[in-house]
Amino acid sequence: TIMRQLWETGLSDFKGDYFQMDGCVLSPRPKERVKVVAAGQSDRGMAFAAELCDFNFCLGEGVNEPTKAASVPARVLEAGKKTGRDIGAYMLYMIIADETDEAAWAKWKLYVEGADKEALAYLHGKAAEDTTAADTSMAAAVLRSPTPVNWNMGTLVGSYANVARMMDEIATMPGVKGIMLTFDDFLEGLDTFGKRIQ
């Protein structure tokens, strides 16, 4: 709220429980409307995003199941309808790509075999302790994950062409306004994405 006041009028005298502004000034103001992104999977988190933001970071799910998380951007759209605002989802996926499907799956197998199983067991145990967690919570996402790798995001494994095809599928889910990506080897992955997938 404070930042919106500053961006839009250049002045904030906001008084709240945690912030007290007395003639706070922002100059120069932005020339265009600043877009704000939130990150909430819970119903309350999505309601917050729909009230105050433009986009919401959301978790993809599954391995090579591009639309498995379709209910998530749909919930973002529902939250936006309640506030009368246009808000969309940025879906999170990791890309593990190579020339062939076989080469990409070999990387995946290496990651799964190298996972710290003791640490993951601890994580799962702690997530399971939250017996009041909603199905939309991070704890529930951890427990739903079919794999020890990328328990908090969807994963696309395959050839460059197959990953591009799966990304096209993600983009068709209602409510998706963008795809947020990470890579198994970030610098090489980002470069390869730009040259071979995008």
N, C-alpha and C. Protein backbone atom coordinates (compact mmCIF):
# COMPACT_ATOMS: atom_id res chain seq x y z
N THR A 1 0.83 -1.20 0.00
CA THR A 1 0.00 0.00 0.00
C THR A 1 0.87 1.25 0.00
N ILE A 2 1.92 1.25 0.83
CA ILE A 2 2.82 2.40 0.88
C ILE A 2 3.49 2.61 -0.46
N MET A 3 4.01 1.54 -1.04
CA MET A 3 4.70 1.67 -2.32
C MET A 3 3.75 2.13 -3.42
N ARG A 4 2.52 1.62 -3.42
CA ARG A 4 1.54 2.08 -4.42
C ARG A 4 1.29 3.58 -4.26
N GLN A 5 1.13 4.04 -3.00
CA GLN A 5 0.92 5.48 -2.77
C GLN A 5 2.10 6.28 -3.31
N LEU A 6 3.30 5.81 -3.03
CA LEU A 6 4.49 6.53 -3.49
C LEU A 6 4.62 6.50 -5.01
N TRP A 7 4.40 5.34 -5.61
CA TRP A 7 4.52 5.25 -7.06
C TRP A 7 3.47 6.09 -7.76
N GLU A 8 2.26 6.12 -7.22
CA GLU A 8 1.16 6.80 -7.91
C GLU A 8 1.05 8.27 -7.59
N THR A 9 1.37 8.68 -6.36
CA THR A 9 1.22 10.10 -5.98
C THR A 9 2.52 10.77 -5.58
N GLY A 10 3.54 9.96 -5.26
CA GLY A 10 4.80 10.51 -4.81
C GLY A 10 4.84 10.83 -3.32
N LEU A 11 3.75 10.58 -2.61
CA LEU A 11 3.68 10.94 -1.18
C LEU A 11 2.93 9.87 -0.41
N SER A 12 3.40 9.55 0.80
CA SER A 12 2.68 8.63 1.67
C SER A 12 2.72 9.12 3.11
N ASP A 13 1.54 9.15 3.73
CA ASP A 13 1.39 9.41 5.16
C ASP A 13 0.75 8.21 5.82
N PHE A 14 1.00 7.02 5.28
CA PHE A 14 0.37 5.80 5.75
C PHE A 14 0.65 5.58 7.24
N LYS A 15 -0.37 5.17 7.96
CA LYS A 15 -0.23 4.81 9.38
C LYS A 15 -0.82 3.42 9.57
N GLY A 16 0.00 2.48 9.96
CA GLY A 16 -0.47 1.11 10.17
C GLY A 16 0.19 0.50 11.39
N ASP A 17 -0.06 -0.78 11.59
CA ASP A 17 0.51 -1.47 12.75
C ASP A 17 2.03 -1.57 12.67
N TYR A 18 2.57 -1.69 11.48
CA TYR A 18 4.00 -1.94 11.33
C TYR A 18 4.77 -0.81 10.67
N PHE A 19 4.09 0.04 9.93
CA PHE A 19 4.75 1.13 9.23
C PHE A 19 4.04 2.44 9.52
N GLN A 20 4.82 3.48 9.78
CA GLN A 20 4.30 4.83 10.03
C GLN A 20 5.04 5.79 9.10
N MET A 21 4.34 6.33 8.15
CA MET A 21 4.95 7.27 7.21
C MET A 21 4.53 8.69 7.57
N ASP A 22 5.49 9.58 7.59
CA ASP A 22 5.23 11.01 7.85
C ASP A 22 5.82 11.81 6.71
N GLY A 23 5.00 12.12 5.74
CA GLY A 23 5.46 12.91 4.60
C GLY A 23 6.55 12.21 3.80
N CYS A 24 6.45 10.89 3.67
CA CYS A 24 7.43 10.12 2.90
C CYS A 24 7.26 10.47 1.42
N VAL A 25 8.37 10.83 0.76
CA VAL A 25 8.32 11.30 -0.62
C VAL A 25 9.16 10.39 -1.52
N LEU A 26 8.63 10.12 -2.71
CA LEU A 26 9.37 9.39 -3.74
C LEU A 26 9.47 10.30 -4.95
N SER A 27 10.71 10.56 -5.37
CA SER A 27 10.90 11.39 -6.55
C SER A 27 12.23 11.00 -7.19
N PRO A 28 12.27 10.79 -8.46
CA PRO A 28 11.14 10.88 -9.39
C PRO A 28 10.26 9.63 -9.28
N ARG A 29 9.00 9.80 -9.65
CA ARG A 29 8.07 8.68 -9.68
C ARG A 29 8.25 7.89 -10.97
N PRO A 30 7.89 6.61 -10.96
CA PRO A 30 8.00 5.82 -12.20
C PRO A 30 7.08 6.36 -13.28
N LYS A 31 7.53 6.25 -14.52
CA LYS A 31 6.74 6.75 -15.64
C LYS A 31 5.58 5.82 -15.98
N GLU A 32 5.75 4.53 -15.68
CA GLU A 32 4.70 3.54 -15.96
C GLU A 32 4.32 2.84 -14.67
N ARG A 33 3.15 2.22 -14.69
CA ARG A 33 2.67 1.50 -13.51
C ARG A 33 3.63 0.35 -13.19
N VAL A 34 4.03 0.25 -11.93
CA VAL A 34 4.94 -0.81 -11.49
C VAL A 34 4.12 -2.08 -11.23
N LYS A 35 4.56 -3.17 -11.83
CA LYS A 35 3.89 -4.46 -11.63
C LYS A 35 4.48 -5.13 -10.38
N VAL A 36 3.60 -5.72 -9.58
CA VAL A 36 4.01 -6.36 -8.33
C VAL A 36 3.67 -7.84 -8.39
N VAL A 37 4.62 -8.66 -7.92
CA VAL A 37 4.45 -10.11 -7.92
C VAL A 37 4.46 -10.60 -6.47
N ALA A 38 3.51 -11.46 -6.13
CA ALA A 38 3.48 -12.12 -4.83
C ALA A 38 3.82 -13.59 -5.03
N ALA A 39 3.93 -14.31 -3.93
CA ALA A 39 4.22 -15.74 -4.00
C ALA A 39 3.45 -16.44 -2.90
N GLY A 40 2.24 -16.87 -3.19
CA GLY A 40 1.44 -17.55 -2.18
C GLY A 40 0.68 -18.71 -2.78
N GLN A 41 0.79 -19.87 -2.16
CA GLN A 41 0.06 -21.04 -2.63
C GLN A 41 -1.25 -21.21 -1.88
N SER A 42 -1.29 -20.71 -0.65
CA SER A 42 -2.50 -20.88 0.16
C SER A 42 -3.61 -19.97 -0.35
N ASP A 43 -4.82 -20.25 0.09
CA ASP A 43 -5.94 -19.40 -0.31
C ASP A 43 -5.71 -17.97 0.17
N ARG A 44 -5.20 -17.80 1.39
CA ARG A 44 -4.93 -16.45 1.90
C ARG A 44 -3.84 -15.76 1.10
N GLY A 45 -2.81 -16.53 0.73
CA GLY A 45 -1.73 -15.96 -0.09
C GLY A 45 -2.23 -15.50 -1.44
N MET A 46 -3.10 -16.28 -2.05
CA MET A 46 -3.65 -15.88 -3.35
C MET A 46 -4.61 -14.71 -3.21
N ALA A 47 -5.35 -14.67 -2.10
CA ALA A 47 -6.24 -13.52 -1.87
C ALA A 47 -5.42 -12.25 -1.73
N PHE A 48 -4.30 -12.33 -1.01
CA PHE A 48 -3.41 -11.18 -0.86
C PHE A 48 -2.92 -10.71 -2.23
N ALA A 49 -2.47 -11.64 -3.06
CA ALA A 49 -1.99 -11.29 -4.40
C ALA A 49 -3.10 -10.64 -5.21
N ALA A 50 -4.32 -11.17 -5.11
CA ALA A 50 -5.44 -10.62 -5.88
C ALA A 50 -5.83 -9.23 -5.40
N GLU A 51 -5.61 -8.95 -4.13
CA GLU A 51 -5.94 -7.63 -3.58
C GLU A 51 -4.91 -6.58 -3.96
N LEU A 52 -3.62 -6.96 -3.98
CA LEU A 52 -2.56 -5.94 -4.05
C LEU A 52 -1.56 -6.10 -5.19
N CYS A 53 -1.58 -7.23 -5.88
CA CYS A 53 -0.52 -7.50 -6.86
C CYS A 53 -1.08 -7.71 -8.26
N ASP A 54 -0.17 -7.94 -9.18
CA ASP A 54 -0.53 -8.17 -10.58
C ASP A 54 -0.33 -9.62 -10.99
N PHE A 55 0.62 -10.28 -10.33
CA PHE A 55 0.95 -11.66 -10.66
C PHE A 55 1.20 -12.41 -9.36
N ASN A 56 1.12 -13.74 -9.45
CA ASN A 56 1.43 -14.59 -8.31
C ASN A 56 2.32 -15.73 -8.78
N PHE A 57 3.49 -15.87 -8.14
CA PHE A 57 4.34 -17.03 -8.42
C PHE A 57 3.64 -18.27 -7.90
N CYS A 58 3.58 -19.31 -8.70
CA CYS A 58 2.90 -20.55 -8.33
C CYS A 58 3.77 -21.75 -8.68
N LEU A 59 3.60 -22.80 -7.93
CA LEU A 59 4.40 -24.00 -8.13
C LEU A 59 3.79 -24.90 -9.21
N GLY A 60 4.62 -25.28 -10.17
CA GLY A 60 4.23 -26.34 -11.06
C GLY A 60 4.31 -27.65 -10.28
N GLU A 61 3.85 -28.72 -10.87
CA GLU A 61 3.92 -30.02 -10.18
C GLU A 61 4.29 -31.11 -11.16
N GLY A 62 4.83 -32.19 -10.62
CA GLY A 62 5.08 -33.39 -11.41
C GLY A 62 6.32 -33.31 -12.27
N VAL A 63 6.62 -34.43 -12.89
CA VAL A 63 7.74 -34.55 -13.81
C VAL A 63 7.15 -34.86 -15.19
N ASN A 64 7.36 -33.94 -16.11
CA ASN A 64 6.83 -34.05 -17.47
C ASN A 64 5.31 -34.17 -17.49
N GLU A 65 4.68 -33.45 -16.57
CA GLU A 65 3.22 -33.35 -16.53
C GLU A 65 2.89 -31.86 -16.57
N PRO A 66 3.04 -31.24 -17.74
CA PRO A 66 2.98 -29.79 -17.84
C PRO A 66 1.71 -29.15 -17.29
N THR A 67 0.59 -29.84 -17.38
CA THR A 67 -0.66 -29.23 -16.92
C THR A 67 -1.19 -29.85 -15.63
N LYS A 68 -0.36 -30.62 -14.94
CA LYS A 68 -0.80 -31.25 -13.68
C LYS A 68 -1.23 -30.20 -12.67
N ALA A 69 -0.61 -29.03 -12.70
CA ALA A 69 -0.91 -27.97 -11.73
C ALA A 69 -2.00 -27.02 -12.22
N ALA A 70 -2.81 -27.42 -13.18
CA ALA A 70 -3.81 -26.52 -13.76
C ALA A 70 -4.74 -25.91 -12.71
N SER A 71 -4.97 -26.60 -11.62
CA SER A 71 -5.86 -26.05 -10.58
C SER A 71 -5.25 -24.83 -9.90
N VAL A 72 -3.94 -24.69 -9.97
CA VAL A 72 -3.28 -23.57 -9.28
C VAL A 72 -3.54 -22.24 -9.99
N PRO A 73 -3.24 -22.10 -11.30
CA PRO A 73 -3.59 -20.83 -11.95
C PRO A 73 -5.09 -20.59 -11.98
N ALA A 74 -5.88 -21.67 -11.96
CA ALA A 74 -7.34 -21.50 -11.89
C ALA A 74 -7.74 -20.84 -10.57
N ARG A 75 -7.05 -21.20 -9.49
CA ARG A 75 -7.32 -20.57 -8.20
C ARG A 75 -6.91 -19.10 -8.20
N VAL A 76 -5.83 -18.78 -8.92
CA VAL A 76 -5.42 -17.37 -9.05
C VAL A 76 -6.52 -16.58 -9.75
N LEU A 77 -7.06 -17.15 -10.83
CA LEU A 77 -8.15 -16.48 -11.54
C LEU A 77 -9.36 -16.28 -10.63
N GLU A 78 -9.70 -17.29 -9.84
CA GLU A 78 -10.84 -17.17 -8.92
C GLU A 78 -10.61 -16.06 -7.90
N ALA A 79 -9.40 -16.00 -7.37
CA ALA A 79 -9.07 -14.93 -6.40
C ALA A 79 -9.21 -13.56 -7.06
N GLY A 80 -8.80 -13.46 -8.32
CA GLY A 80 -8.93 -12.19 -9.05
C GLY A 80 -10.38 -11.81 -9.28
N LYS A 81 -11.23 -12.80 -9.54
CA LYS A 81 -12.66 -12.51 -9.74
C LYS A 81 -13.27 -11.92 -8.48
N LYS A 82 -12.83 -12.40 -7.32
CA LYS A 82 -13.38 -11.91 -6.05
C LYS A 82 -13.02 -10.46 -5.80
N THR A 83 -11.87 -10.03 -6.31
CA THR A 83 -11.45 -8.63 -6.11
C THR A 83 -11.74 -7.77 -7.33
N GLY A 84 -12.17 -8.40 -8.42
CA GLY A 84 -12.42 -7.65 -9.64
C GLY A 84 -11.15 -7.17 -10.32
N ARG A 85 -10.03 -7.85 -10.06
CA ARG A 85 -8.75 -7.44 -10.63
C ARG A 85 -8.22 -8.51 -11.59
N ASP A 86 -7.47 -8.06 -12.58
CA ASP A 86 -6.83 -8.95 -13.54
C ASP A 86 -5.49 -9.38 -12.98
N ILE A 87 -5.41 -10.62 -12.52
CA ILE A 87 -4.17 -11.15 -11.95
C ILE A 87 -3.89 -12.49 -12.62
N GLY A 88 -2.63 -12.82 -12.79
CA GLY A 88 -2.29 -14.07 -13.43
C GLY A 88 -1.16 -14.78 -12.71
N ALA A 89 -0.95 -16.04 -13.10
CA ALA A 89 0.06 -16.88 -12.47
C ALA A 89 1.34 -16.91 -13.28
N TYR A 90 2.46 -16.89 -12.56
CA TYR A 90 3.77 -17.21 -13.12
C TYR A 90 4.11 -18.59 -12.56
N MET A 91 4.13 -19.60 -13.41
CA MET A 91 4.33 -20.98 -12.98
C MET A 91 5.82 -21.33 -12.94
N LEU A 92 6.24 -22.02 -11.87
CA LEU A 92 7.65 -22.39 -11.67
C LEU A 92 7.93 -23.81 -12.14
N TYR A 93 8.92 -23.93 -13.02
CA TYR A 93 9.36 -25.23 -13.51
C TYR A 93 10.88 -25.24 -13.64
N MET A 94 11.46 -26.42 -13.39
CA MET A 94 12.88 -26.62 -13.67
C MET A 94 13.00 -27.33 -15.00
N ILE A 95 13.99 -26.92 -15.77
CA ILE A 95 14.26 -27.57 -17.06
C ILE A 95 15.56 -28.35 -16.96
N ILE A 96 15.48 -29.63 -17.33
CA ILE A 96 16.66 -30.48 -17.46
C ILE A 96 16.61 -31.00 -18.90
N ALA A 97 17.38 -30.37 -19.77
CA ALA A 97 17.28 -30.65 -21.21
C ALA A 97 18.63 -31.03 -21.79
N ASP A 98 18.57 -31.74 -22.90
CA ASP A 98 19.79 -32.13 -23.61
C ASP A 98 19.39 -32.42 -25.06
N GLU A 99 20.35 -32.87 -25.85
CA GLU A 99 20.09 -33.16 -27.26
C GLU A 99 18.99 -34.21 -27.43
N THR A 100 19.02 -35.22 -26.57
CA THR A 100 18.05 -36.31 -26.68
C THR A 100 17.33 -36.50 -25.35
N ASP A 101 16.19 -37.17 -25.41
CA ASP A 101 15.48 -37.51 -24.17
C ASP A 101 16.37 -38.38 -23.28
N GLU A 102 17.07 -39.34 -23.89
CA GLU A 102 17.89 -40.26 -23.12
C GLU A 102 18.98 -39.52 -22.35
N ALA A 103 19.63 -38.55 -22.97
CA ALA A 103 20.69 -37.79 -22.30
C ALA A 103 20.13 -36.95 -21.16
N ALA A 104 18.96 -36.37 -21.36
CA ALA A 104 18.34 -35.57 -20.30
C ALA A 104 17.93 -36.47 -19.12
N TRP A 105 17.36 -37.63 -19.41
CA TRP A 105 16.95 -38.55 -18.34
C TRP A 105 18.16 -39.12 -17.60
N ALA A 106 19.30 -39.22 -18.27
CA ALA A 106 20.52 -39.67 -17.58
C ALA A 106 20.92 -38.64 -16.52
N LYS A 107 20.78 -37.36 -16.83
CA LYS A 107 21.04 -36.30 -15.84
C LYS A 107 20.07 -36.44 -14.67
N TRP A 108 18.80 -36.61 -14.99
CA TRP A 108 17.77 -36.75 -13.96
C TRP A 108 18.10 -37.91 -13.02
N LYS A 109 18.48 -39.04 -13.60
CA LYS A 109 18.81 -40.22 -12.79
C LYS A 109 19.98 -39.91 -11.86
N LEU A 110 20.96 -39.21 -12.36
CA LEU A 110 22.12 -38.83 -11.54
C LEU A 110 21.69 -37.97 -10.35
N TYR A 111 20.78 -37.03 -10.58
CA TYR A 111 20.31 -36.16 -9.49
C TYR A 111 19.52 -36.95 -8.45
N VAL A 112 18.66 -37.84 -8.92
CA VAL A 112 17.85 -38.63 -7.99
C VAL A 112 18.75 -39.53 -7.14
N GLU A 113 19.72 -40.18 -7.79
CA GLU A 113 20.63 -41.06 -7.06
C GLU A 113 21.50 -40.29 -6.08
N GLY A 114 21.80 -39.04 -6.38
CA GLY A 114 22.68 -38.24 -5.51
C GLY A 114 21.95 -37.44 -4.45
N ALA A 115 20.65 -37.57 -4.38
CA ALA A 115 19.87 -36.79 -3.41
C ALA A 115 20.25 -37.17 -1.98
N ASP A 116 20.24 -36.19 -1.09
CA ASP A 116 20.52 -36.40 0.33
C ASP A 116 19.26 -36.98 0.97
N LYS A 117 19.18 -38.30 0.99
CA LYS A 117 17.97 -38.97 1.45
C LYS A 117 17.67 -38.70 2.92
N GLU A 118 18.71 -38.57 3.74
CA GLU A 118 18.50 -38.28 5.16
C GLU A 118 17.88 -36.89 5.34
N ALA A 119 18.39 -35.91 4.62
CA ALA A 119 17.82 -34.56 4.72
C ALA A 119 16.39 -34.53 4.20
N LEU A 120 16.14 -35.24 3.11
CA LEU A 120 14.78 -35.28 2.55
C LEU A 120 13.81 -35.99 3.49
N ALA A 121 14.27 -37.03 4.16
CA ALA A 121 13.41 -37.73 5.12
C ALA A 121 13.05 -36.78 6.26
N TYR A 122 14.02 -35.98 6.69
CA TYR A 122 13.76 -35.00 7.75
C TYR A 122 12.72 -33.98 7.27
N LEU A 123 12.91 -33.48 6.06
CA LEU A 123 11.97 -32.52 5.48
C LEU A 123 10.56 -33.10 5.41
N HIS A 124 10.45 -34.31 4.92
CA HIS A 124 9.14 -34.95 4.81
C HIS A 124 8.52 -35.16 6.19
N GLY A 125 9.36 -35.54 7.16
CA GLY A 125 8.86 -35.72 8.52
C GLY A 125 8.30 -34.44 9.09
N LYS A 126 9.01 -33.35 8.89
CA LYS A 126 8.54 -32.05 9.38
C LYS A 126 7.27 -31.62 8.66
N ALA A 127 7.20 -31.85 7.36
CA ALA A 127 5.99 -31.50 6.61
C ALA A 127 4.80 -32.31 7.12
N ALA A 128 5.03 -33.58 7.43
CA ALA A 128 3.95 -34.45 7.90
C ALA A 128 3.45 -34.05 9.29
N GLU A 129 4.30 -33.36 10.06
CA GLU A 129 3.89 -32.91 11.40
C GLU A 129 2.79 -31.85 11.34
N ASP A 130 2.71 -31.16 10.22
CA ASP A 130 1.69 -30.11 10.09
C ASP A 130 0.37 -30.76 9.71
N THR A 131 -0.33 -31.26 10.71
CA THR A 131 -1.57 -32.01 10.46
C THR A 131 -2.74 -31.11 10.10
N THR A 132 -2.57 -29.80 10.24
CA THR A 132 -3.65 -28.88 9.88
C THR A 132 -3.42 -28.21 8.53
N ALA A 133 -2.35 -28.59 7.84
CA ALA A 133 -2.03 -27.96 6.57
C ALA A 133 -3.10 -28.24 5.52
N ALA A 134 -3.48 -27.20 4.81
CA ALA A 134 -4.43 -27.35 3.71
C ALA A 134 -3.76 -28.04 2.53
N ASP A 135 -4.56 -28.58 1.62
CA ASP A 135 -4.02 -29.23 0.43
C ASP A 135 -3.21 -28.26 -0.43
N THR A 136 -3.44 -26.97 -0.24
CA THR A 136 -2.76 -25.97 -1.05
C THR A 136 -1.47 -25.46 -0.39
N SER A 137 -1.09 -25.99 0.76
CA SER A 137 0.08 -25.51 1.50
C SER A 137 1.37 -26.07 0.93
N MET A 138 2.48 -25.44 1.32
CA MET A 138 3.80 -25.93 0.92
C MET A 138 4.05 -27.31 1.54
N ALA A 139 3.60 -27.52 2.79
CA ALA A 139 3.78 -28.83 3.43
C ALA A 139 3.10 -29.91 2.61
N ALA A 140 1.91 -29.65 2.12
CA ALA A 140 1.20 -30.64 1.30
C ALA A 140 1.92 -30.87 -0.02
N ALA A 141 2.49 -29.81 -0.61
CA ALA A 141 3.23 -29.96 -1.87
C ALA A 141 4.46 -30.86 -1.66
N VAL A 142 5.14 -30.68 -0.53
CA VAL A 142 6.30 -31.52 -0.22
C VAL A 142 5.89 -32.98 -0.13
N LEU A 143 4.80 -33.23 0.57
CA LEU A 143 4.35 -34.61 0.76
C LEU A 143 3.81 -35.24 -0.53
N ARG A 144 3.30 -34.43 -1.45
CA ARG A 144 2.75 -34.93 -2.72
C ARG A 144 3.82 -35.27 -3.73
N SER A 145 4.99 -34.70 -3.56
CA SER A 145 6.03 -34.83 -4.58
C SER A 145 6.39 -36.29 -4.82
N PRO A 146 6.39 -36.71 -6.09
CA PRO A 146 6.71 -38.10 -6.41
C PRO A 146 8.21 -38.40 -6.44
N THR A 147 9.03 -37.39 -6.17
CA THR A 147 10.46 -37.54 -6.36
C THR A 147 11.24 -36.75 -5.32
N PRO A 148 12.45 -37.18 -5.00
CA PRO A 148 13.26 -36.41 -4.06
C PRO A 148 13.88 -35.16 -4.69
N VAL A 149 13.78 -35.03 -6.00
CA VAL A 149 14.34 -33.88 -6.69
C VAL A 149 13.20 -32.92 -7.04
N ASN A 150 13.39 -31.65 -6.75
CA ASN A 150 12.41 -30.62 -7.11
C ASN A 150 11.05 -30.86 -6.48
N TRP A 151 11.02 -31.05 -5.19
CA TRP A 151 9.76 -31.28 -4.51
C TRP A 151 8.89 -30.04 -4.46
N ASN A 152 9.42 -28.87 -4.82
CA ASN A 152 8.62 -27.65 -4.75
C ASN A 152 8.39 -26.99 -6.10
N MET A 153 8.53 -27.75 -7.18
CA MET A 153 8.27 -27.19 -8.50
C MET A 153 8.06 -28.31 -9.50
N GLY A 154 7.45 -27.99 -10.60
CA GLY A 154 7.34 -28.95 -11.68
C GLY A 154 8.68 -29.09 -12.38
N THR A 155 8.87 -30.19 -13.08
CA THR A 155 10.13 -30.44 -13.76
C THR A 155 9.85 -30.92 -15.17
N LEU A 156 10.60 -30.38 -16.11
CA LEU A 156 10.50 -30.79 -17.51
C LEU A 156 11.83 -31.42 -17.90
N VAL A 157 11.80 -32.71 -18.23
CA VAL A 157 13.01 -33.45 -18.57
C VAL A 157 12.87 -33.96 -20.00
N GLY A 158 13.86 -33.65 -20.84
CA GLY A 158 13.79 -34.20 -22.20
C GLY A 158 14.65 -33.44 -23.19
N SER A 159 14.44 -33.80 -24.44
CA SER A 159 15.16 -33.12 -25.52
C SER A 159 14.69 -31.67 -25.59
N TYR A 160 15.46 -30.86 -26.27
CA TYR A 160 15.10 -29.44 -26.40
C TYR A 160 13.71 -29.30 -27.03
N ALA A 161 13.44 -30.09 -28.05
CA ALA A 161 12.14 -30.00 -28.74
C ALA A 161 11.01 -30.43 -27.81
N ASN A 162 11.21 -31.48 -27.04
CA ASN A 162 10.15 -31.95 -26.14
C ASN A 162 9.90 -30.97 -25.00
N VAL A 163 10.96 -30.36 -24.49
CA VAL A 163 10.78 -29.36 -23.45
C VAL A 163 10.01 -28.15 -24.01
N ALA A 164 10.34 -27.73 -25.21
CA ALA A 164 9.61 -26.61 -25.83
C ALA A 164 8.13 -26.96 -25.98
N ARG A 165 7.83 -28.17 -26.39
CA ARG A 165 6.43 -28.62 -26.54
C ARG A 165 5.71 -28.58 -25.20
N MET A 166 6.39 -29.06 -24.14
CA MET A 166 5.75 -29.07 -22.82
C MET A 166 5.53 -27.64 -22.31
N MET A 167 6.45 -26.74 -22.62
CA MET A 167 6.25 -25.35 -22.21
C MET A 167 5.05 -24.74 -22.91
N ASP A 168 4.85 -25.10 -24.17
CA ASP A 168 3.66 -24.64 -24.88
C ASP A 168 2.39 -25.12 -24.18
N GLU A 169 2.42 -26.35 -23.67
CA GLU A 169 1.26 -26.87 -22.94
C GLU A 169 1.02 -26.08 -21.65
N ILE A 170 2.08 -25.77 -20.94
CA ILE A 170 1.94 -24.98 -19.70
C ILE A 170 1.24 -23.66 -20.01
N ALA A 171 1.65 -23.03 -21.10
CA ALA A 171 1.10 -21.72 -21.46
C ALA A 171 -0.38 -21.77 -21.79
N THR A 172 -0.92 -22.96 -22.08
CA THR A 172 -2.35 -23.05 -22.41
C THR A 172 -3.25 -23.11 -21.18
N MET A 173 -2.67 -23.31 -19.99
CA MET A 173 -3.51 -23.40 -18.80
C MET A 173 -4.15 -22.04 -18.52
N PRO A 174 -5.46 -21.99 -18.34
CA PRO A 174 -6.11 -20.71 -18.02
C PRO A 174 -5.51 -20.09 -16.76
N GLY A 175 -5.21 -18.80 -16.88
CA GLY A 175 -4.64 -18.06 -15.75
C GLY A 175 -3.14 -17.91 -15.81
N VAL A 176 -2.46 -18.66 -16.69
CA VAL A 176 -1.00 -18.56 -16.78
C VAL A 176 -0.64 -17.33 -17.61
N LYS A 177 0.13 -16.44 -17.00
CA LYS A 177 0.60 -15.25 -17.71
C LYS A 177 2.10 -15.28 -17.94
N GLY A 178 2.76 -16.28 -17.37
CA GLY A 178 4.19 -16.42 -17.56
C GLY A 178 4.70 -17.70 -16.95
N ILE A 179 5.90 -18.08 -17.36
CA ILE A 179 6.54 -19.27 -16.81
C ILE A 179 7.89 -18.84 -16.25
N MET A 180 8.09 -19.15 -14.98
CA MET A 180 9.35 -18.84 -14.31
C MET A 180 10.19 -20.11 -14.35
N LEU A 181 11.44 -19.99 -14.78
CA LEU A 181 12.27 -21.16 -14.99
C LEU A 181 13.51 -21.16 -14.12
N THR A 182 13.94 -22.35 -13.80
CA THR A 182 15.26 -22.56 -13.24
C THR A 182 15.84 -23.76 -13.97
N PHE A 183 17.14 -23.95 -13.83
CA PHE A 183 17.82 -24.97 -14.60
C PHE A 183 18.74 -25.78 -13.70
N ASP A 184 19.03 -27.01 -14.09
CA ASP A 184 19.90 -27.85 -13.27
C ASP A 184 21.31 -27.26 -13.22
N ASP A 185 21.81 -26.75 -14.29
CA ASP A 185 23.08 -26.00 -14.32
C ASP A 185 22.68 -24.63 -14.85
N PHE A 186 22.55 -23.66 -13.94
CA PHE A 186 21.83 -22.44 -14.30
C PHE A 186 22.45 -21.69 -15.47
N LEU A 187 23.75 -21.42 -15.44
CA LEU A 187 24.34 -20.62 -16.52
C LEU A 187 24.28 -21.34 -17.86
N GLU A 188 24.70 -22.59 -17.87
CA GLU A 188 24.63 -23.35 -19.12
C GLU A 188 23.18 -23.56 -19.54
N GLY A 189 22.31 -23.86 -18.57
CA GLY A 189 20.91 -24.09 -18.88
C GLY A 189 20.23 -22.88 -19.47
N LEU A 190 20.52 -21.71 -18.91
CA LEU A 190 19.93 -20.47 -19.41
C LEU A 190 20.39 -20.20 -20.84
N ASP A 191 21.67 -20.38 -21.08
CA ASP A 191 22.22 -20.16 -22.42
C ASP A 191 21.62 -21.14 -23.43
N THR A 192 21.57 -22.41 -23.04
CA THR A 192 21.01 -23.43 -23.92
C THR A 192 19.53 -23.18 -24.17
N PHE A 193 18.80 -22.76 -23.12
CA PHE A 193 17.38 -22.45 -23.29
C PHE A 193 17.21 -21.40 -24.38
N GLY A 194 17.99 -20.33 -24.31
CA GLY A 194 17.86 -19.25 -25.29
C GLY A 194 18.19 -19.69 -26.70
N LYS A 195 19.17 -20.56 -26.83
CA LYS A 195 19.62 -20.97 -28.16
C LYS A 195 18.83 -22.15 -28.75
N ARG A 196 18.39 -23.08 -27.89
CA ARG A 196 17.84 -24.33 -28.40
C ARG A 196 16.34 -24.54 -28.12
N ILE A 197 15.81 -23.90 -27.08
CA ILE A 197 14.41 -24.15 -26.71
C ILE A 197 13.54 -22.96 -27.08
N GLN A 198 13.96 -21.78 -26.67
CA GLN A 198 13.14 -20.59 -26.90
C GLN A 198 12.96 -20.33 -28.38
